[in-house]
């Protein structure tokens, strides 16, 4: 398994949460190879997404789509793909 890890700076928290629930989560969950996704707000103006896919190829394809579509409500700080080395 591989994960796409995104870090964003949130400019409009309410709009970002609305877009996440209405567009991002439904779209990502339909992506080929999708396993699970988690979106975390460690600070009011920061967001982290961790989305797990069955393969590195599926994760890389998803990462390309994520990096190409930041909304006005967030600034994309980074998008990385990495191997899942443990889970519970």
N, C-alpha and C. Protein backbone atom coordinates (compact mmCIF):
# COMPACT_ATOMS: atom_id res chain seq x y z
N UNK A 1 0.84 -1.18 0.00
CA UNK A 1 0.00 0.00 0.00
C UNK A 1 0.88 1.24 0.00
N UNK A 2 0.35 2.32 -0.57
CA UNK A 2 1.02 3.60 -0.59
C UNK A 2 0.03 4.69 -0.23
N UNK A 3 0.52 5.77 0.34
CA UNK A 3 -0.34 6.88 0.75
C UNK A 3 0.08 8.17 0.07
N UNK A 4 -0.91 9.00 -0.16
CA UNK A 4 -0.68 10.37 -0.60
C UNK A 4 -0.86 11.24 0.64
N UNK A 5 0.17 12.00 0.96
CA UNK A 5 0.13 12.88 2.13
C UNK A 5 0.17 14.32 1.63
N UNK A 6 -0.86 15.08 1.95
CA UNK A 6 -0.93 16.48 1.53
C UNK A 6 -0.91 17.39 2.75
N UNK A 7 -0.25 18.53 2.58
CA UNK A 7 -0.25 19.58 3.60
C UNK A 7 -0.77 20.84 2.93
N UNK A 8 -1.74 21.48 3.58
CA UNK A 8 -2.30 22.72 3.04
C UNK A 8 -2.31 23.81 4.10
N UNK A 9 -2.31 25.03 3.62
CA UNK A 9 -2.58 26.18 4.47
C UNK A 9 -4.01 26.61 4.16
N UNK A 10 -4.82 26.71 5.20
CA UNK A 10 -6.24 27.01 5.04
C UNK A 10 -6.45 28.51 5.10
N UNK A 11 -7.06 29.05 4.04
CA UNK A 11 -7.36 30.48 3.98
C UNK A 11 -8.79 30.78 4.42
N UNK A 12 -9.71 29.87 4.14
CA UNK A 12 -11.12 30.02 4.52
C UNK A 12 -11.58 28.68 5.09
N UNK A 13 -11.54 28.56 6.40
CA UNK A 13 -11.79 27.27 7.07
C UNK A 13 -13.18 26.72 6.75
N UNK A 14 -14.22 27.53 6.87
CA UNK A 14 -15.58 27.05 6.62
C UNK A 14 -15.73 26.56 5.19
N UNK A 15 -15.23 27.32 4.24
CA UNK A 15 -15.32 26.94 2.82
C UNK A 15 -14.48 25.69 2.57
N UNK A 16 -13.31 25.59 3.19
CA UNK A 16 -12.45 24.42 3.00
C UNK A 16 -13.13 23.16 3.51
N UNK A 17 -13.77 23.22 4.66
CA UNK A 17 -14.47 22.06 5.21
C UNK A 17 -15.66 21.69 4.34
N UNK A 18 -16.37 22.68 3.83
CA UNK A 18 -17.50 22.42 2.93
C UNK A 18 -17.03 21.74 1.64
N UNK A 19 -15.96 22.27 1.04
CA UNK A 19 -15.42 21.68 -0.19
C UNK A 19 -14.90 20.28 0.07
N UNK A 20 -14.25 20.09 1.19
CA UNK A 20 -13.74 18.77 1.55
C UNK A 20 -14.87 17.74 1.60
N UNK A 21 -15.93 18.07 2.30
CA UNK A 21 -17.05 17.14 2.46
C UNK A 21 -17.87 16.93 1.20
N UNK A 22 -18.04 17.98 0.41
CA UNK A 22 -18.91 17.91 -0.76
C UNK A 22 -18.22 17.48 -2.04
N UNK A 23 -16.91 17.73 -2.14
CA UNK A 23 -16.20 17.47 -3.39
C UNK A 23 -15.01 16.53 -3.23
N UNK A 24 -14.11 16.87 -2.31
CA UNK A 24 -12.85 16.13 -2.20
C UNK A 24 -13.07 14.69 -1.75
N UNK A 25 -13.73 14.51 -0.63
CA UNK A 25 -13.92 13.16 -0.08
C UNK A 25 -14.70 12.26 -1.05
N UNK A 26 -15.84 12.71 -1.59
CA UNK A 26 -16.54 11.85 -2.55
C UNK A 26 -15.70 11.53 -3.78
N UNK A 27 -14.94 12.49 -4.28
CA UNK A 27 -14.11 12.25 -5.45
C UNK A 27 -12.96 11.30 -5.18
N UNK A 28 -12.28 11.50 -4.09
CA UNK A 28 -11.13 10.65 -3.74
C UNK A 28 -11.59 9.23 -3.47
N UNK A 29 -12.71 9.07 -2.81
CA UNK A 29 -13.17 7.72 -2.46
C UNK A 29 -13.57 6.90 -3.69
N UNK A 30 -13.75 7.55 -4.82
CA UNK A 30 -14.07 6.86 -6.06
C UNK A 30 -12.83 6.57 -6.91
N UNK A 31 -11.67 7.05 -6.48
CA UNK A 31 -10.44 6.87 -7.25
C UNK A 31 -10.04 5.40 -7.29
N UNK A 32 -9.47 4.96 -8.40
CA UNK A 32 -9.02 3.56 -8.49
C UNK A 32 -8.00 3.23 -7.39
N UNK A 33 -8.20 2.10 -6.73
CA UNK A 33 -7.27 1.64 -5.72
C UNK A 33 -7.44 2.28 -4.35
N UNK A 34 -8.45 3.12 -4.17
CA UNK A 34 -8.67 3.79 -2.89
C UNK A 34 -8.91 2.77 -1.78
N UNK A 35 -8.25 2.99 -0.62
CA UNK A 35 -8.43 2.13 0.55
C UNK A 35 -9.09 2.91 1.69
N UNK A 36 -8.50 4.05 2.06
CA UNK A 36 -9.02 4.85 3.17
C UNK A 36 -8.45 6.26 3.09
N UNK A 37 -9.16 7.20 3.70
CA UNK A 37 -8.67 8.57 3.72
C UNK A 37 -8.97 9.24 5.04
N UNK A 38 -8.05 10.09 5.46
CA UNK A 38 -8.19 10.84 6.71
C UNK A 38 -7.72 12.26 6.47
N UNK A 39 -8.49 13.23 6.95
CA UNK A 39 -8.12 14.62 6.82
C UNK A 39 -8.11 15.21 8.23
N UNK A 40 -7.01 15.86 8.57
CA UNK A 40 -6.77 16.31 9.94
C UNK A 40 -6.47 17.80 9.92
N UNK A 41 -6.95 18.49 10.95
CA UNK A 41 -6.65 19.91 11.11
C UNK A 41 -5.86 20.10 12.40
N UNK A 42 -4.51 20.00 12.33
CA UNK A 42 -3.72 20.12 13.55
C UNK A 42 -3.68 21.53 14.12
N UNK A 43 -3.99 22.52 13.28
CA UNK A 43 -4.08 23.92 13.68
C UNK A 43 -5.20 24.53 12.86
N UNK A 44 -5.83 25.61 13.32
CA UNK A 44 -6.95 26.18 12.57
C UNK A 44 -6.62 26.56 11.12
N UNK A 45 -5.37 26.91 10.85
CA UNK A 45 -5.01 27.34 9.50
C UNK A 45 -4.17 26.31 8.74
N UNK A 46 -4.13 25.08 9.23
CA UNK A 46 -3.36 24.02 8.58
C UNK A 46 -4.23 22.78 8.39
N UNK A 47 -3.93 22.02 7.35
CA UNK A 47 -4.63 20.77 7.10
C UNK A 47 -3.68 19.73 6.57
N UNK A 48 -3.93 18.48 6.93
CA UNK A 48 -3.13 17.35 6.47
C UNK A 48 -4.10 16.28 5.99
N UNK A 49 -3.85 15.77 4.80
CA UNK A 49 -4.65 14.66 4.28
C UNK A 49 -3.76 13.44 4.11
N UNK A 50 -4.26 12.30 4.51
CA UNK A 50 -3.55 11.03 4.33
C UNK A 50 -4.54 10.09 3.66
N UNK A 51 -4.25 9.74 2.41
CA UNK A 51 -5.15 8.89 1.64
C UNK A 51 -4.36 7.67 1.18
N UNK A 52 -4.86 6.49 1.52
CA UNK A 52 -4.16 5.24 1.26
C UNK A 52 -4.75 4.57 0.02
N UNK A 53 -3.83 4.05 -0.80
CA UNK A 53 -4.21 3.35 -2.03
C UNK A 53 -3.56 1.97 -2.04
N UNK A 54 -4.12 1.07 -2.85
CA UNK A 54 -3.63 -0.30 -2.93
C UNK A 54 -2.24 -0.39 -3.54
N UNK A 55 -1.87 0.55 -4.41
CA UNK A 55 -0.59 0.45 -5.11
C UNK A 55 0.08 1.82 -5.22
N UNK A 56 1.38 1.78 -5.49
CA UNK A 56 2.13 3.01 -5.72
C UNK A 56 1.61 3.73 -6.95
N UNK A 57 1.26 2.99 -7.99
CA UNK A 57 0.77 3.60 -9.22
C UNK A 57 -0.53 4.36 -8.97
N UNK A 58 -1.44 3.77 -8.22
CA UNK A 58 -2.70 4.43 -7.91
C UNK A 58 -2.47 5.68 -7.07
N UNK A 59 -1.56 5.60 -6.11
CA UNK A 59 -1.24 6.75 -5.27
C UNK A 59 -0.62 7.88 -6.08
N UNK A 60 0.30 7.54 -6.98
CA UNK A 60 0.93 8.57 -7.81
C UNK A 60 -0.08 9.24 -8.74
N UNK A 61 -0.99 8.46 -9.29
CA UNK A 61 -2.02 9.04 -10.16
C UNK A 61 -2.91 9.99 -9.36
N UNK A 62 -3.27 9.61 -8.15
CA UNK A 62 -4.09 10.47 -7.30
C UNK A 62 -3.33 11.73 -6.91
N UNK A 63 -2.05 11.60 -6.61
CA UNK A 63 -1.24 12.75 -6.23
C UNK A 63 -1.18 13.78 -7.35
N UNK A 64 -1.10 13.32 -8.58
CA UNK A 64 -1.09 14.25 -9.72
C UNK A 64 -2.39 15.02 -9.80
N UNK A 65 -3.50 14.37 -9.54
CA UNK A 65 -4.80 15.05 -9.58
C UNK A 65 -4.93 16.04 -8.42
N UNK A 66 -4.45 15.66 -7.24
CA UNK A 66 -4.54 16.54 -6.07
C UNK A 66 -3.73 17.81 -6.28
N UNK A 67 -2.51 17.66 -6.75
CA UNK A 67 -1.64 18.81 -6.94
C UNK A 67 -2.13 19.76 -8.01
N UNK A 68 -2.96 19.27 -8.91
CA UNK A 68 -3.44 20.09 -10.01
C UNK A 68 -4.70 20.87 -9.65
N UNK A 69 -5.30 20.60 -8.49
CA UNK A 69 -6.59 21.21 -8.19
C UNK A 69 -6.71 21.80 -6.78
N UNK A 70 -5.85 22.73 -6.44
CA UNK A 70 -6.11 23.41 -5.16
C UNK A 70 -7.23 24.43 -5.35
N UNK A 71 -8.08 24.57 -4.35
CA UNK A 71 -9.15 25.55 -4.44
C UNK A 71 -8.70 26.90 -3.89
N UNK A 72 -9.58 27.89 -3.99
CA UNK A 72 -9.27 29.22 -3.46
C UNK A 72 -9.20 29.23 -1.94
N UNK A 73 -9.82 28.22 -1.32
CA UNK A 73 -9.90 28.20 0.14
C UNK A 73 -8.66 27.65 0.82
N UNK A 74 -7.77 27.01 0.04
CA UNK A 74 -6.52 26.49 0.59
C UNK A 74 -5.36 26.76 -0.36
N UNK A 75 -4.16 26.75 0.20
CA UNK A 75 -2.93 26.77 -0.58
C UNK A 75 -2.25 25.43 -0.38
N UNK A 76 -1.93 24.78 -1.47
CA UNK A 76 -1.27 23.47 -1.40
C UNK A 76 0.20 23.69 -1.03
N UNK A 77 0.62 23.18 0.12
CA UNK A 77 2.00 23.33 0.57
C UNK A 77 2.87 22.18 0.07
N UNK A 78 2.35 20.94 0.12
CA UNK A 78 3.11 19.80 -0.38
C UNK A 78 2.20 18.63 -0.65
N UNK A 79 2.65 17.79 -1.59
CA UNK A 79 1.98 16.54 -1.91
C UNK A 79 3.08 15.49 -2.06
N UNK A 80 3.01 14.45 -1.25
CA UNK A 80 4.02 13.39 -1.29
C UNK A 80 3.37 12.02 -1.36
N UNK A 81 4.06 11.09 -1.97
CA UNK A 81 3.62 9.70 -2.00
C UNK A 81 4.66 8.87 -1.24
N UNK A 82 4.18 8.01 -0.36
CA UNK A 82 5.10 7.17 0.40
C UNK A 82 4.51 5.80 0.67
N UNK A 83 5.38 4.84 0.89
CA UNK A 83 4.96 3.48 1.21
C UNK A 83 4.38 3.44 2.62
N UNK A 84 3.28 2.75 2.78
CA UNK A 84 2.72 2.51 4.11
C UNK A 84 3.52 1.36 4.71
N UNK A 85 4.22 1.64 5.79
CA UNK A 85 5.09 0.62 6.39
C UNK A 85 4.45 -0.05 7.61
N UNK A 86 3.35 0.51 8.11
CA UNK A 86 2.62 -0.11 9.22
C UNK A 86 1.24 0.52 9.29
N UNK A 87 0.28 -0.26 9.78
CA UNK A 87 -1.04 0.28 10.05
C UNK A 87 -1.70 -0.57 11.12
N UNK A 88 -2.77 -0.05 11.71
CA UNK A 88 -3.47 -0.79 12.76
C UNK A 88 -4.96 -0.70 12.51
